[in-house]
Amino acid sequence: MLRKIIVALLIMISFLLESAVFQHFAMAGIVPKFIIILTSSFGFMRGEKEGMTIGFFCGFLSDVFYGDVLGFYALILTYIGYINGKFSRIFYPEDIKLPIALIVVSDLSYGMICYILLFLLRGRFDFLYFFTKVILPEALYTIVAAVFVYPVILKINQKLEAREKRSAQKFV
């Protein structure tokens, strides 16, 4: 129960950081994607199911506040959480290289999918402009944010797992 409450708080905090706080630190209108950092991190640390769940709720918040179609961002982030969850078998808490790489690939994939489905299909064919002015700067800004945010998410997850392990031992 505590894990669900804390994860819900993390989702809300990530969304607020992305949509409100970091709007004041936007560079050329670009802000880091904290919801992708959270989805990728939990998918990588906890597996496909947790990644999908967190991705769905992060995407649903984005759909409600920014989306034209309800479920578009939820579907994309659900897939991102699922794919990152596939890497949970090689999760090592002390290694930051693989999580950062997965977050970058997730952000680039998110940007590409959004470009294809939101712009390309509407006849806007200037991919190079969109890639250099939106997708790449967003990925770079997300990398910088992930270097600071991922260790915090990792510590929270470790504390939750330690607490769950202690409470599970009481019943054995």
N, C-alpha and C. Protein backbone atom coordinates (compact mmCIF):
# COMPACT_ATOMS: atom_id res chain seq x y z
N MET A 1 0.83 -1.20 0.00
CA MET A 1 0.00 0.00 0.00
C MET A 1 0.86 1.25 0.00
N LEU A 2 1.92 1.23 0.83
CA LEU A 2 2.81 2.40 0.89
C LEU A 2 3.48 2.63 -0.46
N ARG A 3 3.86 1.54 -1.15
CA ARG A 3 4.50 1.67 -2.46
C ARG A 3 3.56 2.38 -3.44
N LYS A 4 2.28 2.00 -3.43
CA LYS A 4 1.33 2.62 -4.35
C LYS A 4 1.17 4.11 -4.08
N ILE A 5 1.14 4.48 -2.82
CA ILE A 5 1.02 5.89 -2.46
C ILE A 5 2.25 6.67 -2.89
N ILE A 6 3.42 6.10 -2.63
CA ILE A 6 4.66 6.80 -2.99
C ILE A 6 4.81 6.90 -4.51
N VAL A 7 4.46 5.83 -5.22
CA VAL A 7 4.54 5.87 -6.68
C VAL A 7 3.55 6.90 -7.24
N ALA A 8 2.37 6.97 -6.68
CA ALA A 8 1.39 7.98 -7.12
C ALA A 8 1.94 9.39 -6.86
N LEU A 9 2.58 9.59 -5.73
CA LEU A 9 3.20 10.89 -5.44
C LEU A 9 4.33 11.19 -6.42
N LEU A 10 5.13 10.19 -6.72
CA LEU A 10 6.22 10.39 -7.69
C LEU A 10 5.69 10.75 -9.07
N ILE A 11 4.60 10.11 -9.47
CA ILE A 11 3.99 10.43 -10.76
C ILE A 11 3.52 11.88 -10.77
N MET A 12 2.84 12.29 -9.71
CA MET A 12 2.35 13.67 -9.64
C MET A 12 3.49 14.67 -9.59
N ILE A 13 4.52 14.35 -8.80
CA ILE A 13 5.68 15.26 -8.70
C ILE A 13 6.38 15.37 -10.05
N SER A 14 6.57 14.25 -10.73
CA SER A 14 7.21 14.27 -12.05
C SER A 14 6.41 15.10 -13.04
N PHE A 15 5.11 14.90 -13.03
CA PHE A 15 4.26 15.66 -13.94
C PHE A 15 4.29 17.15 -13.61
N LEU A 16 4.25 17.49 -12.33
CA LEU A 16 4.31 18.90 -11.94
C LEU A 16 5.65 19.53 -12.27
N LEU A 17 6.73 18.79 -12.06
CA LEU A 17 8.05 19.31 -12.42
C LEU A 17 8.12 19.61 -13.91
N GLU A 18 7.60 18.69 -14.70
CA GLU A 18 7.66 18.84 -16.15
C GLU A 18 6.73 19.94 -16.66
N SER A 19 5.53 19.98 -16.13
CA SER A 19 4.53 20.89 -16.69
C SER A 19 4.51 22.27 -16.05
N ALA A 20 5.00 22.40 -14.83
CA ALA A 20 4.91 23.71 -14.16
C ALA A 20 6.27 24.28 -13.77
N VAL A 21 7.02 23.54 -12.99
CA VAL A 21 8.27 24.08 -12.44
C VAL A 21 9.30 24.33 -13.53
N PHE A 22 9.58 23.32 -14.35
CA PHE A 22 10.63 23.45 -15.34
C PHE A 22 10.20 24.27 -16.56
N GLN A 23 8.96 24.69 -16.62
CA GLN A 23 8.56 25.62 -17.68
C GLN A 23 9.29 26.96 -17.52
N HIS A 24 9.69 27.26 -16.28
CA HIS A 24 10.44 28.49 -16.02
C HIS A 24 11.91 28.33 -16.39
N PHE A 25 12.38 27.11 -16.55
CA PHE A 25 13.77 26.84 -16.93
C PHE A 25 13.86 26.30 -18.35
N ALA A 26 12.80 26.48 -19.11
CA ALA A 26 12.76 25.95 -20.47
C ALA A 26 13.80 26.66 -21.34
N MET A 27 14.46 25.85 -22.15
CA MET A 27 15.41 26.39 -23.13
C MET A 27 14.79 26.23 -24.50
N ALA A 28 14.45 27.34 -25.11
CA ALA A 28 13.78 27.35 -26.41
C ALA A 28 12.48 26.56 -26.37
N GLY A 29 11.80 26.62 -25.25
CA GLY A 29 10.52 25.93 -25.11
C GLY A 29 10.65 24.45 -24.81
N ILE A 30 11.86 23.98 -24.56
CA ILE A 30 12.11 22.56 -24.32
C ILE A 30 12.31 22.34 -22.82
N VAL A 31 11.62 21.34 -22.28
CA VAL A 31 11.79 20.95 -20.87
C VAL A 31 12.13 19.47 -20.82
N PRO A 32 12.82 19.03 -19.76
CA PRO A 32 13.11 17.59 -19.66
C PRO A 32 11.84 16.79 -19.41
N LYS A 33 11.83 15.58 -19.90
CA LYS A 33 10.67 14.69 -19.76
C LYS A 33 10.82 13.84 -18.50
N PHE A 34 10.37 14.39 -17.38
CA PHE A 34 10.46 13.68 -16.11
C PHE A 34 9.58 12.44 -16.09
N ILE A 35 8.47 12.46 -16.83
CA ILE A 35 7.62 11.27 -16.84
C ILE A 35 8.29 10.12 -17.57
N ILE A 36 9.12 10.42 -18.56
CA ILE A 36 9.88 9.36 -19.23
C ILE A 36 10.97 8.84 -18.31
N ILE A 37 11.61 9.73 -17.57
CA ILE A 37 12.63 9.30 -16.60
C ILE A 37 12.00 8.36 -15.58
N LEU A 38 10.85 8.73 -15.06
CA LEU A 38 10.18 7.91 -14.05
C LEU A 38 9.72 6.57 -14.63
N THR A 39 9.10 6.60 -15.79
CA THR A 39 8.61 5.37 -16.43
C THR A 39 9.76 4.43 -16.75
N SER A 40 10.80 4.96 -17.36
CA SER A 40 11.95 4.13 -17.72
C SER A 40 12.63 3.57 -16.48
N SER A 41 12.80 4.40 -15.47
CA SER A 41 13.49 3.97 -14.26
C SER A 41 12.74 2.85 -13.56
N PHE A 42 11.46 3.03 -13.35
CA PHE A 42 10.71 2.00 -12.65
C PHE A 42 10.53 0.75 -13.51
N GLY A 43 10.41 0.91 -14.81
CA GLY A 43 10.36 -0.27 -15.67
C GLY A 43 11.66 -1.05 -15.56
N PHE A 44 12.76 -0.34 -15.61
CA PHE A 44 14.07 -0.97 -15.52
C PHE A 44 14.31 -1.60 -14.16
N MET A 45 13.90 -0.95 -13.10
CA MET A 45 14.15 -1.46 -11.75
C MET A 45 13.16 -2.55 -11.33
N ARG A 46 11.91 -2.44 -11.75
CA ARG A 46 10.87 -3.31 -11.21
C ARG A 46 10.27 -4.29 -12.21
N GLY A 47 10.50 -4.11 -13.50
CA GLY A 47 9.98 -5.05 -14.48
C GLY A 47 8.89 -4.48 -15.37
N GLU A 48 8.42 -5.34 -16.28
CA GLU A 48 7.46 -4.90 -17.29
C GLU A 48 6.15 -4.40 -16.71
N LYS A 49 5.60 -5.14 -15.77
CA LYS A 49 4.28 -4.79 -15.23
C LYS A 49 4.30 -3.43 -14.55
N GLU A 50 5.29 -3.20 -13.70
CA GLU A 50 5.39 -1.91 -13.01
C GLU A 50 5.67 -0.78 -14.00
N GLY A 51 6.55 -1.06 -14.98
CA GLY A 51 6.84 -0.05 -16.00
C GLY A 51 5.61 0.33 -16.81
N MET A 52 4.83 -0.68 -17.17
CA MET A 52 3.60 -0.42 -17.93
C MET A 52 2.60 0.38 -17.11
N THR A 53 2.46 0.01 -15.84
CA THR A 53 1.49 0.69 -14.97
C THR A 53 1.86 2.15 -14.79
N ILE A 54 3.11 2.39 -14.46
CA ILE A 54 3.55 3.78 -14.25
C ILE A 54 3.49 4.55 -15.57
N GLY A 55 3.89 3.90 -16.67
CA GLY A 55 3.81 4.55 -17.97
C GLY A 55 2.39 4.93 -18.34
N PHE A 56 1.46 4.03 -18.05
CA PHE A 56 0.06 4.33 -18.36
C PHE A 56 -0.43 5.56 -17.59
N PHE A 57 -0.17 5.59 -16.28
CA PHE A 57 -0.67 6.71 -15.49
C PHE A 57 0.04 8.02 -15.82
N CYS A 58 1.34 7.97 -16.11
CA CYS A 58 2.04 9.18 -16.55
C CYS A 58 1.47 9.67 -17.88
N GLY A 59 1.27 8.73 -18.80
CA GLY A 59 0.70 9.10 -20.09
C GLY A 59 -0.72 9.59 -19.99
N PHE A 60 -1.49 8.99 -19.10
CA PHE A 60 -2.88 9.42 -18.91
C PHE A 60 -2.93 10.86 -18.41
N LEU A 61 -2.05 11.22 -17.48
CA LEU A 61 -1.99 12.62 -17.03
C LEU A 61 -1.65 13.54 -18.19
N SER A 62 -0.70 13.14 -19.02
CA SER A 62 -0.35 13.96 -20.19
C SER A 62 -1.52 14.07 -21.15
N ASP A 63 -2.25 12.97 -21.34
CA ASP A 63 -3.42 13.01 -22.22
C ASP A 63 -4.49 13.97 -21.71
N VAL A 64 -4.74 13.90 -20.42
CA VAL A 64 -5.79 14.73 -19.83
C VAL A 64 -5.44 16.21 -19.96
N PHE A 65 -4.18 16.56 -19.75
CA PHE A 65 -3.82 17.97 -19.73
C PHE A 65 -3.33 18.50 -21.07
N TYR A 66 -2.74 17.65 -21.91
CA TYR A 66 -2.14 18.15 -23.15
C TYR A 66 -2.62 17.47 -24.41
N GLY A 67 -3.19 16.29 -24.31
CA GLY A 67 -3.49 15.50 -25.49
C GLY A 67 -4.74 15.91 -26.21
N ASP A 68 -4.72 15.65 -27.51
CA ASP A 68 -5.91 15.86 -28.33
C ASP A 68 -6.81 14.62 -28.29
N VAL A 69 -6.15 13.46 -28.16
CA VAL A 69 -6.85 12.18 -28.14
C VAL A 69 -6.53 11.51 -26.82
N LEU A 70 -7.54 11.11 -26.09
CA LEU A 70 -7.33 10.46 -24.81
C LEU A 70 -6.77 9.05 -25.03
N GLY A 71 -5.61 8.80 -24.46
CA GLY A 71 -4.98 7.50 -24.57
C GLY A 71 -3.75 7.46 -25.45
N PHE A 72 -3.49 8.52 -26.20
CA PHE A 72 -2.34 8.53 -27.11
C PHE A 72 -1.02 8.45 -26.33
N TYR A 73 -0.79 9.39 -25.42
CA TYR A 73 0.45 9.39 -24.64
C TYR A 73 0.48 8.21 -23.66
N ALA A 74 -0.68 7.82 -23.17
CA ALA A 74 -0.74 6.68 -22.26
C ALA A 74 -0.26 5.42 -22.97
N LEU A 75 -0.65 5.23 -24.21
CA LEU A 75 -0.22 4.06 -24.97
C LEU A 75 1.29 4.09 -25.23
N ILE A 76 1.80 5.22 -25.64
CA ILE A 76 3.23 5.34 -25.92
C ILE A 76 4.05 5.06 -24.65
N LEU A 77 3.67 5.69 -23.55
CA LEU A 77 4.44 5.51 -22.31
C LEU A 77 4.25 4.12 -21.72
N THR A 78 3.12 3.48 -21.97
CA THR A 78 2.93 2.10 -21.54
C THR A 78 3.92 1.19 -22.26
N TYR A 79 4.06 1.39 -23.56
CA TYR A 79 5.04 0.60 -24.32
C TYR A 79 6.47 0.89 -23.86
N ILE A 80 6.77 2.15 -23.59
CA ILE A 80 8.11 2.51 -23.12
C ILE A 80 8.39 1.81 -21.79
N GLY A 81 7.44 1.82 -20.88
CA GLY A 81 7.61 1.13 -19.60
C GLY A 81 7.79 -0.36 -19.78
N TYR A 82 7.04 -0.94 -20.70
CA TYR A 82 7.14 -2.38 -20.96
C TYR A 82 8.52 -2.75 -21.52
N ILE A 83 8.96 -2.00 -22.51
CA ILE A 83 10.26 -2.29 -23.14
C ILE A 83 11.40 -2.10 -22.14
N ASN A 84 11.34 -1.05 -21.33
CA ASN A 84 12.36 -0.86 -20.31
C ASN A 84 12.31 -1.97 -19.27
N GLY A 85 11.14 -2.47 -19.00
CA GLY A 85 10.99 -3.58 -18.05
C GLY A 85 11.68 -4.85 -18.53
N LYS A 86 11.84 -5.01 -19.82
CA LYS A 86 12.55 -6.16 -20.37
C LYS A 86 14.01 -6.19 -19.92
N PHE A 87 14.55 -5.03 -19.57
CA PHE A 87 15.95 -4.93 -19.14
C PHE A 87 16.12 -5.12 -17.64
N SER A 88 15.04 -5.40 -16.92
CA SER A 88 15.14 -5.54 -15.47
C SER A 88 15.97 -6.75 -15.07
N ARG A 89 16.12 -7.69 -15.96
CA ARG A 89 16.92 -8.88 -15.65
C ARG A 89 18.40 -8.56 -15.53
N ILE A 90 18.84 -7.46 -16.13
CA ILE A 90 20.25 -7.07 -16.05
C ILE A 90 20.42 -5.80 -15.23
N PHE A 91 19.54 -5.61 -14.27
CA PHE A 91 19.57 -4.41 -13.42
C PHE A 91 20.62 -4.55 -12.33
N TYR A 92 21.52 -3.59 -12.30
CA TYR A 92 22.51 -3.48 -11.22
C TYR A 92 22.40 -2.07 -10.66
N PRO A 93 22.03 -1.94 -9.38
CA PRO A 93 21.79 -0.61 -8.82
C PRO A 93 22.97 0.34 -8.89
N GLU A 94 24.19 -0.20 -8.82
CA GLU A 94 25.35 0.69 -8.78
C GLU A 94 25.74 1.21 -10.17
N ASP A 95 25.19 0.63 -11.23
CA ASP A 95 25.52 1.03 -12.59
C ASP A 95 24.52 2.07 -13.08
N ILE A 96 25.01 3.23 -13.49
CA ILE A 96 24.11 4.29 -13.96
C ILE A 96 24.12 4.40 -15.49
N LYS A 97 25.08 3.75 -16.14
CA LYS A 97 25.22 3.90 -17.59
C LYS A 97 24.02 3.32 -18.35
N LEU A 98 23.63 2.11 -18.03
CA LEU A 98 22.51 1.48 -18.74
C LEU A 98 21.18 2.21 -18.49
N PRO A 99 20.85 2.59 -17.26
CA PRO A 99 19.60 3.34 -17.08
C PRO A 99 19.59 4.67 -17.85
N ILE A 100 20.71 5.37 -17.85
CA ILE A 100 20.76 6.64 -18.59
C ILE A 100 20.61 6.38 -20.09
N ALA A 101 21.27 5.33 -20.59
CA ALA A 101 21.13 4.99 -22.01
C ALA A 101 19.69 4.63 -22.35
N LEU A 102 19.04 3.86 -21.47
CA LEU A 102 17.64 3.49 -21.72
C LEU A 102 16.72 4.71 -21.68
N ILE A 103 17.00 5.63 -20.78
CA ILE A 103 16.19 6.85 -20.70
C ILE A 103 16.35 7.67 -21.97
N VAL A 104 17.58 7.77 -22.48
CA VAL A 104 17.82 8.52 -23.72
C VAL A 104 17.11 7.86 -24.90
N VAL A 105 17.26 6.55 -25.02
CA VAL A 105 16.59 5.83 -26.11
C VAL A 105 15.07 5.96 -25.99
N SER A 106 14.56 5.90 -24.77
CA SER A 106 13.11 6.06 -24.55
C SER A 106 12.66 7.45 -24.96
N ASP A 107 13.43 8.47 -24.61
CA ASP A 107 13.06 9.84 -24.97
C ASP A 107 13.13 10.05 -26.47
N LEU A 108 14.17 9.54 -27.11
CA LEU A 108 14.27 9.66 -28.57
C LEU A 108 13.13 8.91 -29.26
N SER A 109 12.80 7.73 -28.75
CA SER A 109 11.69 6.96 -29.32
C SER A 109 10.37 7.69 -29.15
N TYR A 110 10.17 8.26 -27.97
CA TYR A 110 8.96 9.04 -27.70
C TYR A 110 8.84 10.19 -28.69
N GLY A 111 9.94 10.91 -28.89
CA GLY A 111 9.93 12.03 -29.82
C GLY A 111 9.66 11.60 -31.25
N MET A 112 10.27 10.49 -31.66
CA MET A 112 10.07 10.00 -33.02
C MET A 112 8.63 9.54 -33.24
N ILE A 113 8.08 8.81 -32.27
CA ILE A 113 6.70 8.34 -32.40
C ILE A 113 5.74 9.52 -32.45
N CYS A 114 5.97 10.50 -31.58
CA CYS A 114 5.10 11.69 -31.60
C CYS A 114 5.22 12.42 -32.92
N TYR A 115 6.43 12.54 -33.46
CA TYR A 115 6.60 13.20 -34.76
C TYR A 115 5.83 12.44 -35.84
N ILE A 116 6.02 11.14 -35.89
CA ILE A 116 5.39 10.35 -36.95
C ILE A 116 3.87 10.43 -36.86
N LEU A 117 3.34 10.26 -35.67
CA LEU A 117 1.87 10.18 -35.54
C LEU A 117 1.19 11.55 -35.45
N LEU A 118 1.89 12.56 -34.97
CA LEU A 118 1.25 13.87 -34.82
C LEU A 118 1.57 14.85 -35.94
N PHE A 119 2.73 14.69 -36.58
CA PHE A 119 3.13 15.68 -37.58
C PHE A 119 3.25 15.08 -38.98
N LEU A 120 3.95 13.98 -39.12
CA LEU A 120 4.19 13.40 -40.43
C LEU A 120 2.89 13.02 -41.12
N LEU A 121 1.97 12.43 -40.36
CA LEU A 121 0.70 12.03 -40.96
C LEU A 121 -0.20 13.22 -41.31
N ARG A 122 0.16 14.39 -40.82
CA ARG A 122 -0.59 15.60 -41.18
C ARG A 122 0.09 16.38 -42.30
N GLY A 123 1.13 15.79 -42.88
CA GLY A 123 1.77 16.42 -44.03
C GLY A 123 2.90 17.36 -43.69
N ARG A 124 3.39 17.34 -42.49
CA ARG A 124 4.54 18.18 -42.11
C ARG A 124 5.79 17.31 -42.22
N PHE A 125 6.53 17.51 -43.30
CA PHE A 125 7.62 16.60 -43.65
C PHE A 125 9.00 17.09 -43.25
N ASP A 126 9.12 18.16 -42.52
CA ASP A 126 10.43 18.69 -42.17
C ASP A 126 11.00 17.98 -40.94
N PHE A 127 11.39 16.71 -41.15
CA PHE A 127 11.88 15.89 -40.04
C PHE A 127 13.18 16.44 -39.47
N LEU A 128 14.10 16.86 -40.33
CA LEU A 128 15.39 17.34 -39.84
C LEU A 128 15.22 18.54 -38.91
N TYR A 129 14.33 19.44 -39.25
CA TYR A 129 14.06 20.58 -38.39
C TYR A 129 13.51 20.12 -37.05
N PHE A 130 12.52 19.24 -37.07
CA PHE A 130 11.90 18.77 -35.83
C PHE A 130 12.91 18.00 -34.98
N PHE A 131 13.76 17.19 -35.64
CA PHE A 131 14.74 16.41 -34.90
C PHE A 131 15.78 17.31 -34.23
N THR A 132 16.29 18.31 -34.96
CA THR A 132 17.34 19.16 -34.39
C THR A 132 16.82 20.22 -33.44
N LYS A 133 15.58 20.63 -33.59
CA LYS A 133 15.05 21.71 -32.75
C LYS A 133 14.19 21.23 -31.59
N VAL A 134 13.68 20.00 -31.66
CA VAL A 134 12.80 19.51 -30.60
C VAL A 134 13.31 18.20 -29.99
N ILE A 135 13.42 17.16 -30.80
CA ILE A 135 13.72 15.83 -30.27
C ILE A 135 15.10 15.78 -29.62
N LEU A 136 16.13 16.20 -30.32
CA LEU A 136 17.49 16.12 -29.79
C LEU A 136 17.72 17.02 -28.58
N PRO A 137 17.31 18.30 -28.62
CA PRO A 137 17.49 19.12 -27.41
C PRO A 137 16.72 18.58 -26.21
N GLU A 138 15.52 18.05 -26.44
CA GLU A 138 14.75 17.47 -25.34
C GLU A 138 15.47 16.25 -24.76
N ALA A 139 16.05 15.43 -25.61
CA ALA A 139 16.80 14.26 -25.14
C ALA A 139 18.02 14.69 -24.33
N LEU A 140 18.73 15.71 -24.79
CA LEU A 140 19.90 16.19 -24.06
C LEU A 140 19.52 16.78 -22.71
N TYR A 141 18.45 17.54 -22.68
CA TYR A 141 17.98 18.14 -21.42
C TYR A 141 17.49 17.03 -20.48
N THR A 142 16.88 16.01 -21.03
CA THR A 142 16.42 14.89 -20.22
C THR A 142 17.60 14.10 -19.64
N ILE A 143 18.68 13.97 -20.42
CA ILE A 143 19.88 13.29 -19.91
C ILE A 143 20.42 14.01 -18.68
N VAL A 144 20.54 15.32 -18.79
CA VAL A 144 21.06 16.12 -17.68
C VAL A 144 20.17 15.96 -16.45
N ALA A 145 18.87 16.03 -16.65
CA ALA A 145 17.94 15.85 -15.52
C ALA A 145 18.01 14.44 -14.96
N ALA A 146 18.16 13.45 -15.83
CA ALA A 146 18.18 12.05 -15.39
C ALA A 146 19.39 11.74 -14.53
N VAL A 147 20.50 12.39 -14.81
CA VAL A 147 21.71 12.17 -14.00
C VAL A 147 21.45 12.54 -12.54
N PHE A 148 20.60 13.52 -12.31
CA PHE A 148 20.29 13.93 -10.94
C PHE A 148 19.05 13.22 -10.37
N VAL A 149 18.07 12.94 -11.23
CA VAL A 149 16.80 12.39 -10.76
C VAL A 149 16.86 10.87 -10.58
N TYR A 150 17.55 10.17 -11.48
CA TYR A 150 17.59 8.71 -11.39
C TYR A 150 18.13 8.21 -10.04
N PRO A 151 19.23 8.77 -9.51
CA PRO A 151 19.69 8.28 -8.19
C PRO A 151 18.65 8.47 -7.08
N VAL A 152 17.87 9.52 -7.15
CA VAL A 152 16.82 9.75 -6.16
C VAL A 152 15.74 8.67 -6.29
N ILE A 153 15.33 8.38 -7.51
CA ILE A 153 14.33 7.33 -7.74
C ILE A 153 14.88 5.99 -7.28
N LEU A 154 16.14 5.73 -7.55
CA LEU A 154 16.77 4.48 -7.14
C LEU A 154 16.76 4.34 -5.62
N LYS A 155 17.11 5.40 -4.89
CA LYS A 155 17.11 5.36 -3.42
C LYS A 155 15.71 5.12 -2.88
N ILE A 156 14.73 5.78 -3.45
CA ILE A 156 13.34 5.59 -3.00
C ILE A 156 12.93 4.13 -3.22
N ASN A 157 13.25 3.59 -4.39
CA ASN A 157 12.91 2.20 -4.68
C ASN A 157 13.63 1.24 -3.72
N GLN A 158 14.89 1.50 -3.43
CA GLN A 158 15.64 0.63 -2.52
C GLN A 158 15.05 0.66 -1.11
N LYS A 159 14.65 1.85 -0.66
CA LYS A 159 14.04 1.95 0.67
C LYS A 159 12.70 1.21 0.72
N LEU A 160 11.92 1.34 -0.34
CA LEU A 160 10.65 0.63 -0.40
C LEU A 160 10.85 -0.88 -0.43
N GLU A 161 11.83 -1.34 -1.20
CA GLU A 161 12.09 -2.77 -1.25
C GLU A 161 12.59 -3.30 0.09
N ALA A 162 13.44 -2.53 0.77
CA ALA A 162 13.92 -2.95 2.09
C ALA A 162 12.76 -3.03 3.08
N ARG A 163 11.87 -2.07 3.02
CA ARG A 163 10.70 -2.06 3.92
C ARG A 163 9.78 -3.24 3.62
N GLU A 164 9.57 -3.53 2.33
CA GLU A 164 8.73 -4.67 1.95
C GLU A 164 9.36 -5.99 2.38
N LYS A 165 10.68 -6.06 2.28
CA LYS A 165 11.38 -7.29 2.69
C LYS A 165 11.25 -7.50 4.20
N ARG A 166 11.38 -6.41 4.98
CA ARG A 166 11.23 -6.52 6.44
C ARG A 166 9.82 -6.94 6.82
N SER A 167 8.83 -6.35 6.18
CA SER A 167 7.45 -6.69 6.52
C SER A 167 7.11 -8.10 6.05
N ALA A 168 7.71 -8.58 4.99
CA ALA A 168 7.47 -9.95 4.51
C ALA A 168 8.09 -10.97 5.47
N GLN A 169 9.21 -10.62 6.08
CA GLN A 169 9.85 -11.53 7.01
C GLN A 169 9.07 -11.69 8.30
N LYS A 170 8.28 -10.71 8.63
CA LYS A 170 7.46 -10.80 9.84
C LYS A 170 6.40 -11.90 9.72
N PHE A 171 5.95 -12.15 8.49
CA PHE A 171 4.89 -13.12 8.28
C PHE A 171 5.40 -14.53 8.00
N VAL A 172 6.70 -14.67 7.88
CA VAL A 172 7.27 -15.99 7.55
C VAL A 172 7.56 -16.77 8.79
